[in-house]
Protein backbone atom coordinates (compact mmCIF):
# COMPACT_ATOMS: atom_id res chain seq x y z
CA MET A 1 85.99 97.37 91.28
CA LEU A 2 86.80 101.05 90.58
CA ILE A 3 84.26 101.41 87.84
CA ASN A 4 81.50 100.58 90.35
CA LYS A 5 82.81 102.87 93.13
CA ILE A 6 83.34 106.14 91.28
CA ASP A 7 82.20 107.51 87.96
CA LEU A 8 85.09 106.54 85.65
CA SER A 9 85.16 105.56 82.01
CA LEU A 10 86.41 102.12 81.02
CA LYS A 11 89.43 103.73 79.34
CA THR A 12 90.32 105.54 82.57
CA VAL A 13 90.02 102.35 84.62
CA ILE A 14 92.24 100.46 82.15
CA CYS A 15 94.85 103.23 82.29
CA LEU A 16 94.77 103.19 86.11
CA ASP A 17 95.23 99.43 86.04
CA LYS A 18 98.31 99.86 83.86
CA VAL A 19 99.74 102.43 86.27
CA GLN A 20 99.18 100.10 89.22
CA LYS A 21 100.88 97.26 87.35
CA ARG A 22 103.77 99.59 86.39
CA ILE A 23 103.04 99.24 82.68
CA LYS A 24 104.07 102.37 80.77
CA ILE A 25 101.16 104.44 79.53
CA THR A 26 101.07 106.93 76.66
CA LYS A 27 101.44 110.67 77.18
CA ASP A 28 97.78 111.11 76.23
CA ASP A 29 96.71 108.60 78.85
CA TYR A 30 98.97 110.36 81.34
CA LYS A 31 97.29 113.71 80.60
CA LEU A 32 93.85 112.12 80.96
CA LEU A 33 94.63 110.64 84.38
CA LYS A 34 96.51 113.73 85.58
CA SER A 35 93.65 116.04 84.58
CA GLN A 36 91.30 113.93 86.72
CA LYS A 37 93.83 113.99 89.60
CA LEU A 38 93.99 110.20 89.70
CA ILE A 39 97.78 109.79 89.50
CA GLU A 40 100.89 111.36 91.00
CA GLY A 41 104.56 111.35 90.14
CA ARG A 42 106.52 112.40 87.10
CA TYR A 43 106.04 110.69 83.79
CA PRO A 44 106.82 107.81 83.30
CA LYS A 45 107.23 106.93 87.03
CA LEU A 46 103.62 107.23 88.08
CA PHE A 47 101.45 105.92 90.88
CA VAL A 48 97.79 106.24 91.75
CA THR A 49 96.59 108.81 94.28
CA ALA A 50 95.55 108.17 97.86
CA LYS A 51 91.90 108.39 96.81
CA ILE A 52 92.31 105.44 94.45
CA THR A 53 94.45 103.36 96.81
CA ALA A 54 91.84 103.82 99.54
CA LEU A 55 89.24 102.33 97.20
CA THR A 56 91.46 99.43 96.16
CA GLY A 57 92.77 98.72 99.67
CA ASP A 58 96.45 99.19 98.76
CA LYS A 59 97.23 102.09 101.11
CA SER A 60 100.71 100.97 102.15
CA THR A 61 101.94 100.93 98.54
CA TYR A 62 100.83 104.54 98.14
CA ILE A 63 102.89 105.65 101.13
CA LYS A 64 105.93 103.73 99.86
CA HIS A 65 105.74 105.50 96.50
CA ARG A 66 104.96 108.97 97.73
CA ALA A 67 107.89 110.98 98.97
CA PHE A 68 107.76 112.76 102.29
CA ASN A 69 108.46 116.47 102.13
CA LYS A 70 112.00 117.82 102.38
CA LYS A 71 111.42 119.09 105.92
CA TYR A 72 110.97 115.50 107.11
CA TYR A 73 114.29 114.33 105.65
CA LYS A 74 116.12 117.46 106.79
CA ALA A 75 114.76 117.05 110.32
CA MET A 76 116.00 113.45 110.38
CA ILE A 77 119.51 114.55 109.35
CA ILE A 78 119.56 117.35 111.94
CA GLU A 79 118.31 115.01 114.68
CA PHE A 80 120.97 112.43 113.78
CA ILE A 81 123.75 115.02 113.91
CA ARG A 82 122.45 116.44 117.21
CA GLU A 83 122.39 112.97 118.73
CA PHE A 84 125.81 111.84 117.49
CA ARG A 85 127.54 115.27 117.03
CA SER A 86 128.47 114.52 113.40
CA ALA A 87 127.48 112.33 110.48
CA SER A 88 129.44 110.77 107.64
CA ARG A 89 127.92 110.41 104.21
CA GLN A 90 127.53 106.68 104.90
CA ASP A 91 125.61 107.49 108.09
CA ILE A 92 123.24 109.76 106.18
CA ASN A 93 122.80 107.20 103.41
CA ASN A 94 121.98 104.51 105.98
CA LEU A 95 119.53 106.86 107.65
CA LEU A 96 117.62 107.90 104.54
CA LEU A 97 117.90 105.30 101.78
CA ASP A 98 115.11 103.07 103.05
CA LYS A 99 112.92 106.09 103.85
CA LEU A 100 112.98 107.50 100.32
CA PRO A 101 110.13 106.44 98.03
CA ASP A 102 110.30 103.01 96.42
CA ILE A 103 109.51 104.54 93.05
CA LEU A 104 113.10 105.89 92.94
CA ASN A 105 115.97 103.64 91.97
CA GLU A 106 119.23 103.55 93.96
CA LYS A 107 120.95 106.19 91.83
CA GLN A 108 117.99 108.56 92.14
CA LYS A 109 117.91 108.07 95.91
CA ILE A 110 121.62 108.95 96.18
CA ASN A 111 121.01 112.02 94.02
CA LYS A 112 118.10 113.05 96.26
CA ILE A 113 120.38 112.82 99.32
CA ASN A 114 123.05 114.88 97.48
CA ASN A 115 120.46 117.55 96.77
CA LEU A 116 119.28 117.59 100.38
CA LEU A 117 122.82 117.94 101.72
CA TYR A 118 123.61 120.68 99.19
CA GLU A 119 120.47 122.58 100.12
CA MET A 120 121.10 122.22 103.85
CA SER A 121 124.73 123.34 103.60
CA LYS A 122 124.62 126.01 100.88
CA LYS A 123 121.10 127.42 100.97
CA ASP A 124 119.83 126.83 104.52
CA GLY A 125 123.23 127.01 106.19
CA SER A 126 122.04 124.53 108.82
CA ILE A 127 124.93 122.08 108.41
CA LYS A 128 128.48 122.20 107.09
CA ASN A 129 131.07 119.72 105.95
CA THR A 130 134.18 119.73 108.13
CA GLY A 131 135.71 116.79 106.29
CA SER A 132 136.84 116.44 102.71
CA ASP A 133 134.79 115.83 99.58
CA LYS A 134 135.76 112.15 99.67
CA LYS A 135 135.18 111.73 103.41
CA PRO A 136 132.58 114.29 104.47
CA CYS A 137 131.83 114.90 108.12
CA TRP A 138 128.62 116.88 108.54
CA ILE A 139 128.06 118.98 111.66
CA ILE A 140 125.43 121.50 112.73
CA VAL A 141 126.39 125.14 112.20
């Protein structure tokens, strides 16, 4: 299908097929696809670009794999805290876990939330923890 739509070599199409099927590709294949801007993500967790998914008709999978930018997640946290005056870590996890990209596993998603909270509290100064480390209670500064 792809080989007829855009000018790609057979090797490139086979590599793209592997990426779509979540089969690990070699570093050389990764460099080939990346140089042609056909894949996104960090090796080895790769996914095809929006251009390719539009051609193959699998647009929803692309959105599930691609992360939204940090501003989106931060805005969700701020809006939650504004609405409910505070947020526990469990509240924030419940808010964000299903919104983070499917390409991340559970541990990576938790780590991403940790990084967001750290950045918002230490770097941005937009929120602060009024609870303990074990039972955080995030509020807007």
